[in-house]
Amino acid sequence: MKYSSNLSNLKNQFNIVDDKIVEIKEVIVHTFTLGDVEDPDLYAAEPLWKWQESEQGQWIMQHAVDQPIWHRMVDQVSYGYKYKITARLQARDYTYWALKWNTGS
Protein backbone atom coordinates (compact mmCIF):
# COMPACT_ATOMS: atom_id res chain seq x y z
CA MET A 1 0.00 0.00 0.00
CA LYS A 2 1.09 3.56 -0.66
CA TYR A 3 0.92 6.49 1.78
CA SER A 4 -0.76 9.81 1.03
CA SER A 5 -1.43 12.78 3.27
CA ASN A 6 -4.08 14.20 0.91
CA LEU A 7 -7.63 12.89 1.33
CA SER A 8 -9.49 15.86 -0.14
CA ASN A 9 -9.77 14.70 -3.78
CA LEU A 10 -12.16 11.75 -3.52
CA LYS A 11 -14.33 11.58 -6.62
CA ASN A 12 -15.69 9.35 -9.33
CA GLN A 13 -13.79 9.05 -12.58
CA PHE A 14 -14.20 7.32 -15.90
CA ASN A 15 -11.53 5.18 -17.57
CA ILE A 16 -11.42 3.25 -20.83
CA VAL A 17 -10.92 -0.49 -20.27
CA ASP A 18 -11.05 -2.88 -23.27
CA ASP A 19 -12.59 -0.14 -25.46
CA LYS A 20 -15.41 0.41 -22.93
CA ILE A 21 -15.96 3.37 -20.65
CA VAL A 22 -15.86 2.17 -17.04
CA GLU A 23 -16.84 4.19 -13.97
CA ILE A 24 -14.18 4.22 -11.25
CA LYS A 25 -15.14 5.07 -7.67
CA GLU A 26 -12.58 6.10 -5.05
CA VAL A 27 -13.85 5.01 -1.64
CA ILE A 28 -12.70 4.73 1.95
CA VAL A 29 -12.55 0.97 2.56
CA HIS A 30 -11.18 0.89 6.12
CA THR A 31 -10.53 3.26 9.05
CA PHE A 32 -8.91 2.92 12.45
CA THR A 33 -7.53 5.19 15.15
CA LEU A 34 -4.37 5.27 17.24
CA GLY A 35 -3.67 7.07 20.46
CA ASP A 36 -0.97 9.67 20.90
CA VAL A 37 2.21 7.73 20.14
CA GLU A 38 5.73 8.85 19.27
CA ASP A 39 5.88 7.12 15.85
CA PRO A 40 2.30 6.61 14.62
CA ASP A 41 3.28 4.99 11.32
CA LEU A 42 5.27 2.32 13.15
CA TYR A 43 2.28 1.55 15.39
CA ALA A 44 -0.10 1.62 12.39
CA ALA A 45 1.83 -1.16 10.65
CA GLU A 46 0.09 -3.95 12.59
CA PRO A 47 -3.53 -2.84 11.98
CA LEU A 48 -2.70 -2.11 8.32
CA TRP A 49 -1.18 -5.58 7.90
CA LYS A 50 -4.06 -7.32 9.71
CA TRP A 51 -6.59 -5.56 7.49
CA GLN A 52 -4.60 -6.39 4.35
CA GLU A 53 -4.57 -10.08 5.36
CA SER A 54 -8.31 -10.14 6.19
CA GLU A 55 -10.93 -11.38 3.73
CA GLN A 56 -11.97 -7.80 2.90
CA GLY A 57 -8.38 -6.60 2.57
CA GLN A 58 -7.40 -9.43 0.25
CA TRP A 59 -10.48 -8.82 -1.90
CA ILE A 60 -9.69 -5.08 -2.15
CA MET A 61 -6.03 -5.76 -2.98
CA GLN A 62 -7.12 -8.08 -5.83
CA HIS A 63 -9.92 -5.90 -7.25
CA ALA A 64 -8.61 -2.34 -6.81
CA VAL A 65 -7.77 -0.53 -10.04
CA ASP A 66 -4.59 0.88 -8.46
CA GLN A 67 -2.76 -0.03 -5.28
CA PRO A 68 -4.80 1.14 -2.23
CA ILE A 69 -3.45 4.20 -0.39
CA TRP A 70 -3.42 4.90 3.35
CA HIS A 71 -3.89 8.37 4.79
CA ARG A 72 -2.90 9.62 8.26
CA MET A 73 -4.73 12.51 9.90
CA VAL A 74 -4.63 14.07 13.35
CA ASP A 75 -7.69 13.09 15.40
CA GLN A 76 -8.67 16.30 17.20
CA VAL A 77 -11.06 14.49 19.55
CA SER A 78 -8.65 11.91 20.98
CA TYR A 79 -5.39 13.79 20.40
CA GLY A 80 -4.24 10.75 18.45
CA TYR A 81 -4.29 9.76 14.80
CA LYS A 82 -6.93 8.52 12.40
CA TYR A 83 -5.98 6.30 9.47
CA LYS A 84 -8.07 5.73 6.36
CA ILE A 85 -7.41 3.33 3.50
CA THR A 86 -8.80 4.37 0.12
CA ALA A 87 -9.12 2.27 -3.00
CA ARG A 88 -10.24 2.90 -6.56
CA LEU A 89 -12.83 0.31 -7.65
CA GLN A 90 -14.76 -0.27 -10.83
CA ALA A 91 -18.48 0.39 -10.37
CA ARG A 92 -19.42 -3.32 -10.38
CA ASP A 93 -16.71 -4.11 -7.79
CA TYR A 94 -17.81 -1.13 -5.69
CA THR A 95 -21.37 -2.49 -5.67
CA TYR A 96 -20.16 -5.91 -4.49
CA TRP A 97 -17.94 -4.34 -1.80
CA ALA A 98 -20.75 -2.02 -0.62
CA LEU A 99 -23.24 -4.87 -0.30
CA LYS A 100 -20.85 -7.22 1.47
CA TRP A 101 -18.70 -4.99 3.72
CA ASN A 102 -19.82 -1.35 3.78
CA THR A 103 -21.25 -0.55 7.19
CA GLY A 104 -22.64 2.81 6.08
CA SER A 105 -20.09 4.85 7.99
PDB file of N, CA and C in Angstrom:
ATOM      1  N   MET A   1       0.830  -1.172   0.000  1.00  0.00           N
ATOM      2  CA  MET A   1       0.000   0.000   0.000  1.00  0.00           C
ATOM      3  C   MET A   1       0.873   1.234   0.000  1.00  0.00           C
ATOM      4  N   LYS A   2       0.380   2.291  -0.627  1.00  0.00           N
ATOM      5  CA  LYS A   2       1.089   3.563  -0.657  1.00  0.00           C
ATOM      6  C   LYS A   2       0.526   4.498   0.408  1.00  0.00           C
ATOM      7  N   TYR A   3       1.331   5.489   0.800  1.00  0.00           N
ATOM      8  CA  TYR A   3       0.916   6.491   1.776  1.00  0.00           C
ATOM      9  C   TYR A   3       0.587   7.790   1.057  1.00  0.00           C
ATOM     10  N   SER A   4      -0.431   8.481   1.531  1.00  0.00           N
ATOM     11  CA  SER A   4      -0.764   9.810   1.034  1.00  0.00           C
ATOM     12  C   SER A   4      -1.305  10.632   2.188  1.00  0.00           C
ATOM     13  N   SER A   5      -0.904  11.894   2.237  1.00  0.00           N
ATOM     14  CA  SER A   5      -1.427  12.779   3.274  1.00  0.00           C
ATOM     15  C   SER A   5      -2.626  13.581   2.772  1.00  0.00           C
ATOM     16  N   ASN A   6      -3.000  13.433   1.504  1.00  0.00           N
ATOM     17  CA  ASN A   6      -4.084  14.204   0.909  1.00  0.00           C
ATOM     18  C   ASN A   6      -5.310  13.318   0.749  1.00  0.00           C
ATOM     19  N   LEU A   7      -6.388  13.658   1.429  1.00  0.00           N
ATOM     20  CA  LEU A   7      -7.630  12.890   1.335  1.00  0.00           C
ATOM     21  C   LEU A   7      -8.768  13.746   0.794  1.00  0.00           C
ATOM     22  N   SER A   8      -8.450  14.918   0.245  1.00  0.00           N
ATOM     23  CA  SER A   8      -9.494  15.855  -0.143  1.00  0.00           C
ATOM     24  C   SER A   8     -10.013  15.649  -1.561  1.00  0.00           C
ATOM     25  N   ASN A   9      -9.379  14.824  -2.374  1.00  0.00           N
ATOM     26  CA  ASN A   9      -9.765  14.703  -3.778  1.00  0.00           C
ATOM     27  C   ASN A   9     -10.472  13.393  -4.085  1.00  0.00           C
ATOM     28  N   LEU A  10     -11.418  12.971  -3.241  1.00  0.00           N
ATOM     29  CA  LEU A  10     -12.165  11.751  -3.515  1.00  0.00           C
ATOM     30  C   LEU A  10     -13.280  12.069  -4.509  1.00  0.00           C
ATOM     31  N   LYS A  11     -13.290  11.333  -5.620  1.00  0.00           N
ATOM     32  CA  LYS A  11     -14.332  11.579  -6.620  1.00  0.00           C
ATOM     33  C   LYS A  11     -14.435  10.398  -7.564  1.00  0.00           C
ATOM     34  N   ASN A  12     -15.500  10.370  -8.315  1.00  0.00           N
ATOM     35  CA  ASN A  12     -15.687   9.349  -9.335  1.00  0.00           C
ATOM     36  C   ASN A  12     -14.981   9.780 -10.603  1.00  0.00           C
ATOM     37  N   GLN A  13     -14.472   8.794 -11.324  1.00  0.00           N
ATOM     38  CA  GLN A  13     -13.787   9.054 -12.581  1.00  0.00           C
ATOM     39  C   GLN A  13     -14.252   8.030 -13.596  1.00  0.00           C
ATOM     40  N   PHE A  14     -13.888   8.267 -14.844  1.00  0.00           N
ATOM     41  CA  PHE A  14     -14.202   7.323 -15.897  1.00  0.00           C
ATOM     42  C   PHE A  14     -12.919   6.960 -16.627  1.00  0.00           C
ATOM     43  N   ASN A  15     -12.688   5.674 -16.847  1.00  0.00           N
ATOM     44  CA  ASN A  15     -11.526   5.184 -17.569  1.00  0.00           C
ATOM     45  C   ASN A  15     -11.994   4.331 -18.731  1.00  0.00           C
ATOM     46  N   ILE A  16     -11.128   4.145 -19.709  1.00  0.00           N
ATOM     47  CA  ILE A  16     -11.422   3.253 -20.825  1.00  0.00           C
ATOM     48  C   ILE A  16     -10.701   1.945 -20.570  1.00  0.00           C
ATOM     49  N   VAL A  17     -11.473   0.842 -20.478  1.00  0.00           N
ATOM     50  CA  VAL A  17     -10.923  -0.489 -20.266  1.00  0.00           C
ATOM     51  C   VAL A  17     -11.488  -1.391 -21.351  1.00  0.00           C
ATOM     52  N   ASP A  18     -10.625  -2.004 -22.164  1.00  0.00           N
ATOM     53  CA  ASP A  18     -11.049  -2.875 -23.270  1.00  0.00           C
ATOM     54  C   ASP A  18     -12.057  -2.176 -24.175  1.00  0.00           C
ATOM     55  N   ASP A  19     -11.754  -0.943 -24.559  1.00  0.00           N
ATOM     56  CA  ASP A  19     -12.595  -0.138 -25.455  1.00  0.00           C
ATOM     57  C   ASP A  19     -13.983   0.143 -24.896  1.00  0.00           C
ATOM     58  N   LYS A  20     -14.138   0.086 -23.582  1.00  0.00           N
ATOM     59  CA  LYS A  20     -15.408   0.414 -22.930  1.00  0.00           C
ATOM     60  C   LYS A  20     -15.134   1.473 -21.877  1.00  0.00           C
ATOM     61  N   ILE A  21     -16.079   2.368 -21.698  1.00  0.00           N
ATOM     62  CA  ILE A  21     -15.957   3.373 -20.648  1.00  0.00           C
ATOM     63  C   ILE A  21     -16.437   2.749 -19.343  1.00  0.00           C
ATOM     64  N   VAL A  22     -15.569   2.796 -18.322  1.00  0.00           N
ATOM     65  CA  VAL A  22     -15.859   2.169 -17.036  1.00  0.00           C
ATOM     66  C   VAL A  22     -15.796   3.238 -15.951  1.00  0.00           C
ATOM     67  N   GLU A  23     -16.829   3.256 -15.091  1.00  0.00           N
ATOM     68  CA  GLU A  23     -16.842   4.193 -13.975  1.00  0.00           C
ATOM     69  C   GLU A  23     -15.939   3.676 -12.859  1.00  0.00           C
ATOM     70  N   ILE A  24     -15.091   4.547 -12.349  1.00  0.00           N
ATOM     71  CA  ILE A  24     -14.179   4.218 -11.253  1.00  0.00           C
ATOM     72  C   ILE A  24     -14.585   5.044 -10.038  1.00  0.00           C
ATOM     73  N   LYS A  25     -14.766   4.377  -8.904  1.00  0.00           N
ATOM     74  CA  LYS A  25     -15.135   5.072  -7.665  1.00  0.00           C
ATOM     75  C   LYS A  25     -13.979   4.960  -6.683  1.00  0.00           C
ATOM     76  N   GLU A  26     -13.599   6.089  -6.093  1.00  0.00           N
ATOM     77  CA  GLU A  26     -12.583   6.096  -5.051  1.00  0.00           C
ATOM     78  C   GLU A  26     -13.302   6.160  -3.715  1.00  0.00           C
ATOM     79  N   VAL A  27     -13.094   5.137  -2.880  1.00  0.00           N
ATOM     80  CA  VAL A  27     -13.855   5.012  -1.639  1.00  0.00           C
ATOM     81  C   VAL A  27     -12.932   4.719  -0.459  1.00  0.00           C
ATOM     82  N   ILE A  28     -13.391   5.079   0.717  1.00  0.00           N
ATOM     83  CA  ILE A  28     -12.696   4.726   1.951  1.00  0.00           C
ATOM     84  C   ILE A  28     -13.141   3.316   2.314  1.00  0.00           C
ATOM     85  N   VAL A  29     -12.204   2.374   2.324  1.00  0.00           N
ATOM     86  CA  VAL A  29     -12.553   0.973   2.560  1.00  0.00           C
ATOM     87  C   VAL A  29     -12.265   0.512   3.989  1.00  0.00           C
ATOM     88  N   HIS A  30     -11.481   1.296   4.742  1.00  0.00           N
ATOM     89  CA  HIS A  30     -11.179   0.892   6.120  1.00  0.00           C
ATOM     90  C   HIS A  30     -10.669   2.103   6.892  1.00  0.00           C
ATOM     91  N   THR A  31     -11.039   2.197   8.171  1.00  0.00           N
ATOM     92  CA  THR A  31     -10.534   3.259   9.046  1.00  0.00           C
ATOM     93  C   THR A  31     -10.176   2.653  10.400  1.00  0.00           C
ATOM     94  N   PHE A  32      -9.227   3.272  11.070  1.00  0.00           N
ATOM     95  CA  PHE A  32      -8.905   2.916  12.447  1.00  0.00           C
ATOM     96  C   PHE A  32      -8.199   4.094  13.098  1.00  0.00           C
ATOM     97  N   THR A  33      -8.166   4.091  14.425  1.00  0.00           N
ATOM     98  CA  THR A  33      -7.534   5.189  15.149  1.00  0.00           C
ATOM     99  C   THR A  33      -6.411   4.653  16.032  1.00  0.00           C
ATOM    100  N   LEU A  34      -5.474   5.540  16.322  1.00  0.00           N
ATOM    101  CA  LEU A  34      -4.374   5.265  17.243  1.00  0.00           C
ATOM    102  C   LEU A  34      -4.343   6.368  18.276  1.00  0.00           C
ATOM    103  N   GLY A  35      -3.850   6.051  19.442  1.00  0.00           N
ATOM    104  CA  GLY A  35      -3.673   7.069  20.465  1.00  0.00           C
ATOM    105  C   GLY A  35      -2.459   7.931  20.139  1.00  0.00           C
ATOM    106  N   ASP A  36      -2.113   8.783  21.069  1.00  0.00           N
ATOM    107  CA  ASP A  36      -0.966   9.674  20.903  1.00  0.00           C
ATOM    108  C   ASP A  36       0.305   8.864  21.132  1.00  0.00           C
ATOM    109  N   VAL A  37       0.982   8.507  20.064  1.00  0.00           N
ATOM    110  CA  VAL A  37       2.214   7.725  20.135  1.00  0.00           C
ATOM    111  C   VAL A  37       3.338   8.491  19.458  1.00  0.00           C
ATOM    112  N   GLU A  38       4.569   8.126  19.794  1.00  0.00           N
ATOM    113  CA  GLU A  38       5.726   8.852  19.272  1.00  0.00           C
ATOM    114  C   GLU A  38       5.891   8.654  17.761  1.00  0.00           C
ATOM    115  N   ASP A  39       5.728   7.419  17.282  1.00  0.00           N
ATOM    116  CA  ASP A  39       5.879   7.124  15.854  1.00  0.00           C
ATOM    117  C   ASP A  39       4.610   6.433  15.357  1.00  0.00           C
ATOM    118  N   PRO A  40       3.596   7.213  14.956  1.00  0.00           N
ATOM    119  CA  PRO A  40       2.303   6.609  14.620  1.00  0.00           C
ATOM    120  C   PRO A  40       2.366   5.627  13.454  1.00  0.00           C
ATOM    121  N   ASP A  41       3.213   5.901  12.465  1.00  0.00           N
ATOM    122  CA  ASP A  41       3.278   4.988  11.318  1.00  0.00           C
ATOM    123  C   ASP A  41       3.822   3.624  11.718  1.00  0.00           C
ATOM    124  N   LEU A  42       4.737   3.598  12.655  1.00  0.00           N
ATOM    125  CA  LEU A  42       5.270   2.321  13.153  1.00  0.00           C
ATOM    126  C   LEU A  42       4.167   1.534  13.860  1.00  0.00           C
ATOM    127  N   TYR A  43       3.368   2.211  14.680  1.00  0.00           N
ATOM    128  CA  TYR A  43       2.276   1.546  15.390  1.00  0.00           C
ATOM    129  C   TYR A  43       1.119   1.191  14.453  1.00  0.00           C
ATOM    130  N   ALA A  44       0.981   1.905  13.343  1.00  0.00           N
ATOM    131  CA  ALA A  44      -0.098   1.616  12.391  1.00  0.00           C
ATOM    132  C   ALA A  44       0.205   0.394  11.537  1.00  0.00           C
ATOM    133  N   ALA A  45       1.449  -0.034  11.510  1.00  0.00           N
ATOM    134  CA  ALA A  45       1.827  -1.157  10.648  1.00  0.00           C
ATOM    135  C   ALA A  45       1.024  -2.418  10.959  1.00  0.00           C
ATOM    136  N   GLU A  46       0.818  -2.727  12.235  1.00  0.00           N
ATOM    137  CA  GLU A  46       0.094  -3.955  12.588  1.00  0.00           C
ATOM    138  C   GLU A  46      -1.374  -3.915  12.138  1.00  0.00           C
ATOM    139  N   PRO A  47      -2.140  -2.847  12.464  1.00  0.00           N
ATOM    140  CA  PRO A  47      -3.533  -2.840  11.977  1.00  0.00           C
ATOM    141  C   PRO A  47      -3.631  -2.809  10.450  1.00  0.00           C
ATOM    142  N   LEU A  48      -2.694  -2.123   9.786  1.00  0.00           N
ATOM    143  CA  LEU A  48      -2.695  -2.115   8.324  1.00  0.00           C
ATOM    144  C   LEU A  48      -2.461  -3.516   7.786  1.00  0.00           C
ATOM    145  N   TRP A  49      -1.486  -4.227   8.348  1.00  0.00           N
ATOM    146  CA  TRP A  49      -1.175  -5.583   7.897  1.00  0.00           C
ATOM    147  C   TRP A  49      -2.340  -6.530   8.175  1.00  0.00           C
ATOM    148  N   LYS A  50      -2.931  -6.436   9.376  1.00  0.00           N
ATOM    149  CA  LYS A  50      -4.057  -7.317   9.708  1.00  0.00           C
ATOM    150  C   LYS A  50      -5.228  -7.097   8.760  1.00  0.00           C
ATOM    151  N   TRP A  51      -5.508  -5.827   8.426  1.00  0.00           N
ATOM    152  CA  TRP A  51      -6.589  -5.557   7.488  1.00  0.00           C
ATOM    153  C   TRP A  51      -6.247  -6.125   6.118  1.00  0.00           C
ATOM    154  N   GLN A  52      -5.009  -5.919   5.666  1.00  0.00           N
ATOM    155  CA  GLN A  52      -4.598  -6.391   4.347  1.00  0.00           C
ATOM    156  C   GLN A  52      -4.699  -7.917   4.251  1.00  0.00           C
ATOM    157  N   GLU A  53      -4.492  -8.621   5.353  1.00  0.00           N
ATOM    158  CA  GLU A  53      -4.571 -10.079   5.356  1.00  0.00           C
ATOM    159  C   GLU A  53      -5.981 -10.609   5.619  1.00  0.00           C
ATOM    160  N   SER A  54      -6.923  -9.721   5.952  1.00  0.00           N
ATOM    161  CA  SER A  54      -8.308 -10.145   6.194  1.00  0.00           C
ATOM    162  C   SER A  54      -8.994 -10.461   4.864  1.00  0.00           C
ATOM    163  N   GLU A  55     -10.178 -11.058   4.945  1.00  0.00           N
ATOM    164  CA  GLU A  55     -10.932 -11.384   3.729  1.00  0.00           C
ATOM    165  C   GLU A  55     -11.218 -10.116   2.912  1.00  0.00           C
ATOM    166  N   GLN A  56     -11.668  -9.059   3.597  1.00  0.00           N
ATOM    167  CA  GLN A  56     -11.969  -7.804   2.901  1.00  0.00           C
ATOM    168  C   GLN A  56     -10.702  -7.203   2.298  1.00  0.00           C
ATOM    169  N   GLY A  57      -9.627  -7.177   3.058  1.00  0.00           N
ATOM    170  CA  GLY A  57      -8.383  -6.598   2.569  1.00  0.00           C
ATOM    171  C   GLY A  57      -7.838  -7.327   1.358  1.00  0.00           C
ATOM    172  N   GLN A  58      -7.875  -8.654   1.389  1.00  0.00           N
ATOM    173  CA  GLN A  58      -7.398  -9.427   0.245  1.00  0.00           C
ATOM    174  C   GLN A  58      -8.269  -9.178  -0.980  1.00  0.00           C
ATOM    175  N   TRP A  59      -9.584  -9.077  -0.766  1.00  0.00           N
ATOM    176  CA  TRP A  59     -10.484  -8.820  -1.896  1.00  0.00           C
ATOM    177  C   TRP A  59     -10.183  -7.447  -2.504  1.00  0.00           C
ATOM    178  N   ILE A  60      -9.997  -6.430  -1.655  1.00  0.00           N
ATOM    179  CA  ILE A  60      -9.690  -5.080  -2.146  1.00  0.00           C
ATOM    180  C   ILE A  60      -8.359  -5.076  -2.888  1.00  0.00           C
ATOM    181  N   MET A  61      -7.351  -5.736  -2.340  1.00  0.00           N
ATOM    182  CA  MET A  61      -6.034  -5.764  -2.984  1.00  0.00           C
ATOM    183  C   MET A  61      -6.117  -6.409  -4.368  1.00  0.00           C
ATOM    184  N   GLN A  62      -6.982  -7.397  -4.539  1.00  0.00           N
ATOM    185  CA  GLN A  62      -7.122  -8.076  -5.828  1.00  0.00           C
ATOM    186  C   GLN A  62      -7.964  -7.281  -6.828  1.00  0.00           C
ATOM    187  N   HIS A  63      -8.969  -6.542  -6.347  1.00  0.00           N
ATOM    188  CA  HIS A  63      -9.920  -5.896  -7.250  1.00  0.00           C
ATOM    189  C   HIS A  63      -9.712  -4.395  -7.432  1.00  0.00           C
ATOM    190  N   ALA A  64      -8.841  -3.784  -6.666  1.00  0.00           N
ATOM    191  CA  ALA A  64      -8.610  -2.341  -6.810  1.00  0.00           C
ATOM    192  C   ALA A  64      -7.945  -2.055  -8.153  1.00  0.00           C
ATOM    193  N   VAL A  65      -8.340  -0.939  -8.756  1.00  0.00           N
ATOM    194  CA  VAL A  65      -7.774  -0.528 -10.037  1.00  0.00           C
ATOM    195  C   VAL A  65      -6.292  -0.196  -9.867  1.00  0.00           C
ATOM    196  N   ASP A  66      -5.964   0.544  -8.822  1.00  0.00           N
ATOM    197  CA  ASP A  66      -4.585   0.876  -8.457  1.00  0.00           C
ATOM    198  C   ASP A  66      -4.343   0.351  -7.050  1.00  0.00           C
ATOM    199  N   GLN A  67      -3.097   0.398  -6.641  1.00  0.00           N
ATOM    200  CA  GLN A  67      -2.762  -0.027  -5.280  1.00  0.00           C
ATOM    201  C   GLN A  67      -3.471   0.879  -4.272  1.00  0.00           C
ATOM    202  N   PRO A  68      -4.144   0.310  -3.248  1.00  0.00           N
ATOM    203  CA  PRO A  68      -4.796   1.137  -2.231  1.00  0.00           C
ATOM    204  C   PRO A  68      -3.791   2.065  -1.536  1.00  0.00           C
ATOM    205  N   ILE A  69      -4.296   3.183  -1.029  1.00  0.00           N
ATOM    206  CA  ILE A  69      -3.451   4.198  -0.392  1.00  0.00           C
ATOM    207  C   ILE A  69      -3.950   4.428   1.029  1.00  0.00           C
ATOM    208  N   TRP A  70      -3.018   4.573   1.971  1.00  0.00           N
ATOM    209  CA  TRP A  70      -3.422   4.900   3.349  1.00  0.00           C
ATOM    210  C   TRP A  70      -3.108   6.356   3.635  1.00  0.00           C
ATOM    211  N   HIS A  71      -3.986   6.956   4.451  1.00  0.00           N
ATOM    212  CA  HIS A  71      -3.893   8.372   4.790  1.00  0.00           C
ATOM    213  C   HIS A  71      -3.850   8.504   6.313  1.00  0.00           C
ATOM    214  N   ARG A  72      -2.978   9.363   6.824  1.00  0.00           N
ATOM    215  CA  ARG A  72      -2.896   9.621   8.263  1.00  0.00           C
ATOM    216  C   ARG A  72      -3.359  11.045   8.525  1.00  0.00           C
ATOM    217  N   MET A  73      -4.241  11.200   9.515  1.00  0.00           N
ATOM    218  CA  MET A  73      -4.733  12.513   9.904  1.00  0.00           C
ATOM    219  C   MET A  73      -4.706  12.634  11.419  1.00  0.00           C
ATOM    220  N   VAL A  74      -4.565  13.830  11.910  1.00  0.00           N
ATOM    221  CA  VAL A  74      -4.632  14.067  13.352  1.00  0.00           C
ATOM    222  C   VAL A  74      -6.088  13.977  13.783  1.00  0.00           C
ATOM    223  N   ASP A  75      -6.342  13.217  14.838  1.00  0.00           N
ATOM    224  CA  ASP A  75      -7.687  13.090  15.396  1.00  0.00           C
ATOM    225  C   ASP A  75      -7.830  14.121  16.512  1.00  0.00           C
ATOM    226  N   GLN A  76      -8.550  15.193  16.255  1.00  0.00           N
ATOM    227  CA  GLN A  76      -8.675  16.296  17.201  1.00  0.00           C
ATOM    228  C   GLN A  76      -9.411  15.893  18.480  1.00  0.00           C
ATOM    229  N   VAL A  77     -10.265  14.900  18.400  1.00  0.00           N
ATOM    230  CA  VAL A  77     -11.059  14.491  19.554  1.00  0.00           C
ATOM    231  C   VAL A  77     -10.214  13.717  20.565  1.00  0.00           C
ATOM    232  N   SER A  78      -9.413  12.779  20.075  1.00  0.00           N
ATOM    233  CA  SER A  78      -8.647  11.912  20.984  1.00  0.00           C
ATOM    234  C   SER A  78      -7.185  12.307  21.113  1.00  0.00           C
ATOM    235  N   TYR A  79      -6.792  13.362  20.425  1.00  0.00           N
ATOM    236  CA  TYR A  79      -5.390  13.788  20.404  1.00  0.00           C
ATOM    237  C   TYR A  79      -4.473  12.671  19.910  1.00  0.00           C
ATOM    238  N   GLY A  80      -4.997  11.838  19.040  1.00  0.00           N
ATOM    239  CA  GLY A  80      -4.237  10.749  18.453  1.00  0.00           C
ATOM    240  C   GLY A  80      -4.224  10.895  16.946  1.00  0.00           C
ATOM    241  N   TYR A  81      -4.335   9.772  16.257  1.00  0.00           N
ATOM    242  CA  TYR A  81      -4.289   9.761  14.796  1.00  0.00           C
ATOM    243  C   TYR A  81      -5.402   8.890  14.249  1.00  0.00           C
ATOM    244  N   LYS A  82      -5.920   9.296  13.102  1.00  0.00           N
ATOM    245  CA  LYS A  82      -6.930   8.518  12.402  1.00  0.00           C
ATOM    246  C   LYS A  82      -6.328   8.105  11.060  1.00  0.00           C
ATOM    247  N   TYR A  83      -6.475   6.840  10.731  1.00  0.00           N
ATOM    248  CA  TYR A  83      -5.976   6.304   9.470  1.00  0.00           C
ATOM    249  C   TYR A  83      -7.153   5.874   8.610  1.00  0.00           C
ATOM    250  N   LYS A  84      -7.049   6.158   7.322  1.00  0.00           N
ATOM    251  CA  LYS A  84      -8.066   5.733   6.360  1.00  0.00           C
ATOM    252  C   LYS A  84      -7.361   5.090   5.180  1.00  0.00           C
ATOM    253  N   ILE A  85      -7.926   3.987   4.693  1.00  0.00           N
ATOM    254  CA  ILE A  85      -7.411   3.330   3.499  1.00  0.00           C
ATOM    255  C   ILE A  85      -8.419   3.580   2.391  1.00  0.00           C
ATOM    256  N   THR A  86      -7.932   4.121   1.276  1.00  0.00           N
ATOM    257  CA  THR A  86      -8.798   4.372   0.123  1.00  0.00           C
ATOM    258  C   THR A  86      -8.387   3.464  -1.028  1.00  0.00           C
ATOM    259  N   ALA A  87      -9.366   3.103  -1.824  1.00  0.00           N
ATOM    260  CA  ALA A  87      -9.123   2.267  -2.998  1.00  0.00           C
ATOM    261  C   ALA A  87      -9.984   2.763  -4.142  1.00  0.00           C
ATOM    262  N   ARG A  88      -9.478   2.578  -5.346  1.00  0.00           N
ATOM    263  CA  ARG A  88     -10.237   2.897  -6.556  1.00  0.00           C
ATOM    264  C   ARG A  88     -10.802   1.596  -7.103  1.00  0.00           C
ATOM    265  N   LEU A  89     -12.139   1.516  -7.205  1.00  0.00           N
ATOM    266  CA  LEU A  89     -12.828   0.305  -7.652  1.00  0.00           C
ATOM    267  C   LEU A  89     -13.689   0.596  -8.865  1.00  0.00           C
ATOM    268  N   GLN A  90     -13.794  -0.386  -9.747  1.00  0.00           N
ATOM    269  CA  GLN A  90     -14.762  -0.270 -10.831  1.00  0.00           C
ATOM    270  C   GLN A  90     -16.154  -0.306 -10.219  1.00  0.00           C
ATOM    271  N   ALA A  91     -17.122   0.255 -10.906  1.00  0.00           N
ATOM    272  CA  ALA A  91     -18.476   0.386 -10.366  1.00  0.00           C
ATOM    273  C   ALA A  91     -19.052  -0.961  -9.936  1.00  0.00           C
ATOM    274  N   ARG A  92     -18.859  -2.005 -10.747  1.00  0.00           N
ATOM    275  CA  ARG A  92     -19.415  -3.324 -10.379  1.00  0.00           C
ATOM    276  C   ARG A  92     -18.739  -3.882  -9.133  1.00  0.00           C
ATOM    277  N   ASP A  93     -17.414  -3.655  -8.990  1.00  0.00           N
ATOM    278  CA  ASP A  93     -16.706  -4.111  -7.793  1.00  0.00           C
ATOM    279  C   ASP A  93     -17.105  -3.276  -6.578  1.00  0.00           C
ATOM    280  N   TYR A  94     -17.346  -1.991  -6.790  1.00  0.00           N
ATOM    281  CA  TYR A  94     -17.808  -1.133  -5.694  1.00  0.00           C
ATOM    282  C   TYR A  94     -19.155  -1.628  -5.170  1.00  0.00           C
ATOM    283  N   THR A  95     -20.056  -1.995  -6.073  1.00  0.00           N
ATOM    284  CA  THR A  95     -21.374  -2.495  -5.672  1.00  0.00           C
ATOM    285  C   THR A  95     -21.231  -3.747  -4.824  1.00  0.00           C
ATOM    286  N   TYR A  96     -20.384  -4.683  -5.263  1.00  0.00           N
ATOM    287  CA  TYR A  96     -20.160  -5.912  -4.495  1.00  0.00           C
ATOM    288  C   TYR A  96     -19.594  -5.576  -3.114  1.00  0.00           C
ATOM    289  N   TRP A  97     -18.558  -4.719  -3.070  1.00  0.00           N
ATOM    290  CA  TRP A  97     -17.940  -4.338  -1.798  1.00  0.00           C
ATOM    291  C   TRP A  97     -18.964  -3.665  -0.873  1.00  0.00           C
ATOM    292  N   ALA A  98     -19.769  -2.747  -1.432  1.00  0.00           N
ATOM    293  CA  ALA A  98     -20.748  -2.018  -0.618  1.00  0.00           C
ATOM    294  C   ALA A  98     -21.798  -2.960  -0.032  1.00  0.00           C
ATOM    295  N   LEU A  99     -22.233  -3.936  -0.800  1.00  0.00           N
ATOM    296  CA  LEU A  99     -23.243  -4.867  -0.303  1.00  0.00           C
ATOM    297  C   LEU A  99     -22.678  -5.834   0.736  1.00  0.00           C
ATOM    298  N   LYS A 100     -21.421  -6.223   0.572  1.00  0.00           N
ATOM    299  CA  LYS A 100     -20.846  -7.217   1.473  1.00  0.00           C
ATOM    300  C   LYS A 100     -20.219  -6.603   2.725  1.00  0.00           C
ATOM    301  N   TRP A 101     -19.489  -5.466   2.593  1.00  0.00           N
ATOM    302  CA  TRP A 101     -18.695  -4.990   3.723  1.00  0.00           C
ATOM    303  C   TRP A 101     -19.008  -3.571   4.186  1.00  0.00           C
ATOM    304  N   ASN A 102     -19.617  -2.739   3.375  1.00  0.00           N
ATOM    305  CA  ASN A 102     -19.817  -1.351   3.779  1.00  0.00           C
ATOM    306  C   ASN A 102     -20.811  -1.281   4.934  1.00  0.00           C
ATOM    307  N   THR A 103     -20.382  -0.657   6.018  1.00  0.00           N
ATOM    308  CA  THR A 103     -21.252  -0.546   7.192  1.00  0.00           C
ATOM    309  C   THR A 103     -22.048   0.749   7.206  1.00  0.00           C
ATOM    310  N   GLY A 104     -21.900   1.560   6.156  1.00  0.00           N
ATOM    311  CA  GLY A 104     -22.644   2.806   6.080  1.00  0.00           C
ATOM    312  C   GLY A 104     -21.968   3.970   6.769  1.00  0.00           C
ATOM    313  N   SER A 105     -20.777   3.759   7.309  1.00  0.00           N
ATOM    314  CA  SER A 105     -20.088   4.854   7.990  1.00  0.00           C
ATOM    315  C   SER A 105     -19.058   5.484   7.090  1.00  0.00           C
TER     316      SER A 105
END
